């Protein structure tokens, strides 16, 4: 009986490793179940809040099975990064919606009280204010940057920018009311 040569054995081991490698590095079933549930919910949220993200992008599909399929082939750290990125984008959208509503309300106060403030800051177009806020994301995105860190940075910049805008409006309206 002939003994298998080294190349045959090595080839067999390589095939076995390749076939099982996706099992070794792919996210677990429990991680993928939670991931898919949250990803589909966030995708529904971006539609509800009209965030302006590309809804043709597979990241924003509302189909839970599509998210689960991707997760089952992805390493757990990639799943964690994608989860953080999606949460950051949803948080930014939510914060920009809140900011836009407040900015439009202040513009209404300006008009009602006949304060006379003008310019884009005093527009009652909530969608315009929302667009300005979301553009902060576009201006701060850095290719190749750590996704979670860049989302946090963008959210902080948006918060600081919208806070200072809102504070400025509050001060101006308060001054107008006291006249």
Protein backbone atom coordinates (compact mmCIF):
# COMPACT_ATOMS: atom_id res chain seq x y z
CA UNK A 1 0.00 0.00 0.00
CA UNK A 2 1.33 3.38 -1.00
CA UNK A 3 1.58 6.13 1.61
CA UNK A 4 0.06 9.50 0.69
CA UNK A 5 2.72 11.95 -0.30
CA UNK A 6 3.26 15.22 1.54
CA UNK A 7 1.70 17.39 -1.19
CA UNK A 8 -1.54 15.37 -1.16
CA UNK A 9 -1.83 15.57 2.61
CA UNK A 10 -1.05 19.28 2.62
CA UNK A 11 -3.60 19.90 -0.13
CA UNK A 12 -6.28 18.02 1.81
CA UNK A 13 -5.55 19.99 4.97
CA UNK A 14 -5.69 23.27 3.03
CA UNK A 15 -9.08 22.41 1.53
CA UNK A 16 -10.44 21.44 4.95
CA UNK A 17 -9.19 24.70 6.45
CA UNK A 18 -10.67 26.77 3.65
CA UNK A 19 -14.04 25.09 3.98
CA UNK A 20 -14.17 25.66 7.71
CA UNK A 21 -12.48 29.07 7.84
CA UNK A 22 -15.73 31.01 7.46
CA UNK A 23 -17.00 29.15 10.51
CA UNK A 24 -13.92 30.24 12.47
CA UNK A 25 -14.14 33.98 11.86
CA UNK A 26 -17.81 34.65 11.09
CA UNK A 27 -20.01 36.26 13.72
CA UNK A 28 -22.06 33.93 15.89
CA UNK A 29 -25.73 33.20 15.30
CA UNK A 30 -26.78 35.19 18.38
CA UNK A 31 -24.70 38.20 17.27
CA UNK A 32 -26.17 38.00 13.76
CA UNK A 33 -29.74 37.71 15.06
CA UNK A 34 -29.34 40.85 17.19
CA UNK A 35 -27.48 42.64 14.37
CA UNK A 36 -30.13 41.86 11.74
CA UNK A 37 -32.98 42.91 14.04
CA UNK A 38 -31.35 46.26 14.85
CA UNK A 39 -30.17 46.92 11.27
CA UNK A 40 -33.66 46.39 9.85
CA UNK A 41 -35.17 48.63 12.55
CA UNK A 42 -32.65 51.41 11.82
CA UNK A 43 -33.39 51.06 8.09
CA UNK A 44 -37.08 51.59 8.81
CA UNK A 45 -36.11 54.58 10.96
CA UNK A 46 -34.14 56.31 8.20
CA UNK A 47 -37.21 56.00 6.00
CA UNK A 48 -39.53 57.35 8.69
CA UNK A 49 -37.28 60.33 9.43
CA UNK A 50 -36.39 60.86 5.74
CA UNK A 51 -32.70 61.02 6.60
CA UNK A 52 -31.55 61.32 3.01
CA UNK A 53 -29.35 58.23 2.97
CA UNK A 54 -29.17 56.15 -0.21
CA UNK A 55 -31.99 53.66 0.30
CA UNK A 56 -30.65 51.56 -2.58
CA UNK A 57 -27.51 50.91 -0.54
CA UNK A 58 -27.80 47.36 0.91
CA UNK A 59 -26.91 48.80 4.33
CA UNK A 60 -30.34 50.44 4.42
CA UNK A 61 -32.51 47.52 3.35
CA UNK A 62 -35.42 46.93 5.70
CA UNK A 63 -35.17 43.17 5.05
CA UNK A 64 -33.87 41.48 8.17
CA UNK A 65 -32.85 38.36 6.21
CA UNK A 66 -30.50 40.40 4.01
CA UNK A 67 -28.71 41.78 7.06
CA UNK A 68 -28.51 38.30 8.62
CA UNK A 69 -27.06 36.86 5.40
CA UNK A 70 -24.27 39.46 5.36
CA UNK A 71 -23.56 39.03 9.06
CA UNK A 72 -23.13 35.25 8.75
CA UNK A 73 -20.21 35.84 6.39
CA UNK A 74 -18.60 38.74 8.24
CA UNK A 75 -16.13 38.74 11.12
CA UNK A 76 -17.59 39.86 14.43
CA UNK A 77 -15.45 43.01 14.52
CA UNK A 78 -16.84 44.05 11.11
CA UNK A 79 -20.36 43.51 12.44
CA UNK A 80 -19.54 45.67 15.47
CA UNK A 81 -18.10 48.45 13.25
CA UNK A 82 -21.15 48.40 10.98
CA UNK A 83 -23.47 48.50 13.99
CA UNK A 84 -21.61 51.51 15.41
CA UNK A 85 -21.65 53.27 12.04
CA UNK A 86 -25.38 52.72 11.54
CA UNK A 87 -26.14 53.88 15.10
CA UNK A 88 -24.07 57.01 14.55
CA UNK A 89 -25.81 57.82 11.27
CA UNK A 90 -29.23 57.29 12.82
CA UNK A 91 -28.31 59.43 15.84
CA UNK A 92 -27.12 62.23 13.56
CA UNK A 93 -30.34 62.09 11.57
CA UNK A 94 -32.44 62.18 14.73
CA UNK A 95 -30.45 65.10 16.18
CA UNK A 96 -30.71 67.01 12.90
CA UNK A 97 -34.49 66.51 12.82
CA UNK A 98 -34.78 67.87 16.38
CA UNK A 99 -32.53 70.81 15.49
CA UNK A 100 -34.48 71.57 12.29
CA UNK A 101 -37.82 71.63 14.12
CA UNK A 102 -36.41 73.96 16.78
CA UNK A 103 -34.84 76.28 14.17
CA UNK A 104 -38.14 76.52 12.29
CA UNK A 105 -39.99 77.26 15.55
CA UNK A 106 -37.57 80.08 16.38
CA UNK A 107 -38.09 81.46 12.89
CA UNK A 108 -41.82 81.42 13.56
CA UNK A 109 -41.27 83.30 16.83
CA UNK A 110 -39.13 85.82 14.95
CA UNK A 111 -41.95 86.43 12.47
CA UNK A 112 -44.70 86.44 15.12
CA UNK A 113 -42.87 88.89 17.36
CA UNK A 114 -41.77 90.99 14.37
CA UNK A 115 -38.16 90.86 15.58
CA UNK A 116 -36.82 91.51 12.10
CA UNK A 117 -34.05 88.90 12.11
CA UNK A 118 -33.23 87.73 8.60
CA UNK A 119 -31.05 85.42 6.60
CA UNK A 120 -30.91 81.63 6.25
CA UNK A 121 -30.65 81.22 10.02
CA UNK A 122 -34.16 82.65 10.34
CA UNK A 123 -35.82 80.63 7.58
CA UNK A 124 -38.90 78.70 8.64
CA UNK A 125 -37.97 75.92 6.20
CA UNK A 126 -37.29 72.98 8.55
CA UNK A 127 -36.04 70.89 5.63
CA UNK A 128 -33.43 73.52 4.81
CA UNK A 129 -32.18 73.50 8.40
CA UNK A 130 -32.14 69.69 8.34
CA UNK A 131 -30.09 69.74 5.14
CA UNK A 132 -27.57 72.13 6.69
CA UNK A 133 -27.19 69.92 9.72
CA UNK A 134 -26.81 66.71 7.70
CA UNK A 135 -24.22 68.42 5.49
CA UNK A 136 -21.96 68.60 8.54
CA UNK A 137 -21.64 64.83 8.13
CA UNK A 138 -20.59 65.17 4.51
CA UNK A 139 -18.01 67.83 5.34
CA UNK A 140 -16.44 65.77 8.11
CA UNK A 141 -16.29 62.30 6.53
CA UNK A 142 -12.72 61.18 6.06
CA UNK A 143 -11.96 58.25 3.76
CA UNK A 144 -10.22 55.47 5.60
CA UNK A 145 -10.94 56.92 9.03
CA UNK A 146 -12.02 54.67 11.87
CA UNK A 147 -15.77 54.49 11.31
CA UNK A 148 -16.89 54.53 14.94
CA UNK A 149 -14.50 57.36 15.82
CA UNK A 150 -15.48 59.43 12.79
CA UNK A 151 -19.21 58.97 13.51
CA UNK A 152 -18.62 60.11 17.10
CA UNK A 153 -16.61 63.08 15.85
CA UNK A 154 -19.29 64.04 13.32
CA UNK A 155 -22.01 63.75 15.97
CA UNK A 156 -19.99 65.97 18.33
CA UNK A 157 -19.43 68.59 15.62
CA UNK A 158 -23.11 68.54 14.70
CA UNK A 159 -24.10 68.85 18.36
CA UNK A 160 -21.73 71.77 18.95
CA UNK A 161 -22.83 73.49 15.75
CA UNK A 162 -26.53 73.00 16.34
CA UNK A 163 -26.20 73.89 20.05
CA UNK A 164 -24.47 77.17 19.23
CA UNK A 165 -27.02 77.93 16.50
CA UNK A 166 -29.89 77.16 18.85
CA UNK A 167 -28.35 79.13 21.72
CA UNK A 168 -27.82 82.10 19.40
CA UNK A 169 -31.48 82.01 18.36
CA UNK A 170 -32.66 81.72 21.97
CA UNK A 171 -30.59 84.76 22.94
CA UNK A 172 -31.80 86.81 20.01
CA UNK A 173 -35.47 85.92 20.56
CA UNK A 174 -35.12 86.65 24.30
CA UNK A 175 -33.68 90.07 23.50
CA UNK A 176 -36.51 90.71 21.07
CA UNK A 177 -39.16 89.68 23.65
CA UNK A 178 -37.70 92.02 26.25
CA UNK A 179 -38.01 95.11 24.02
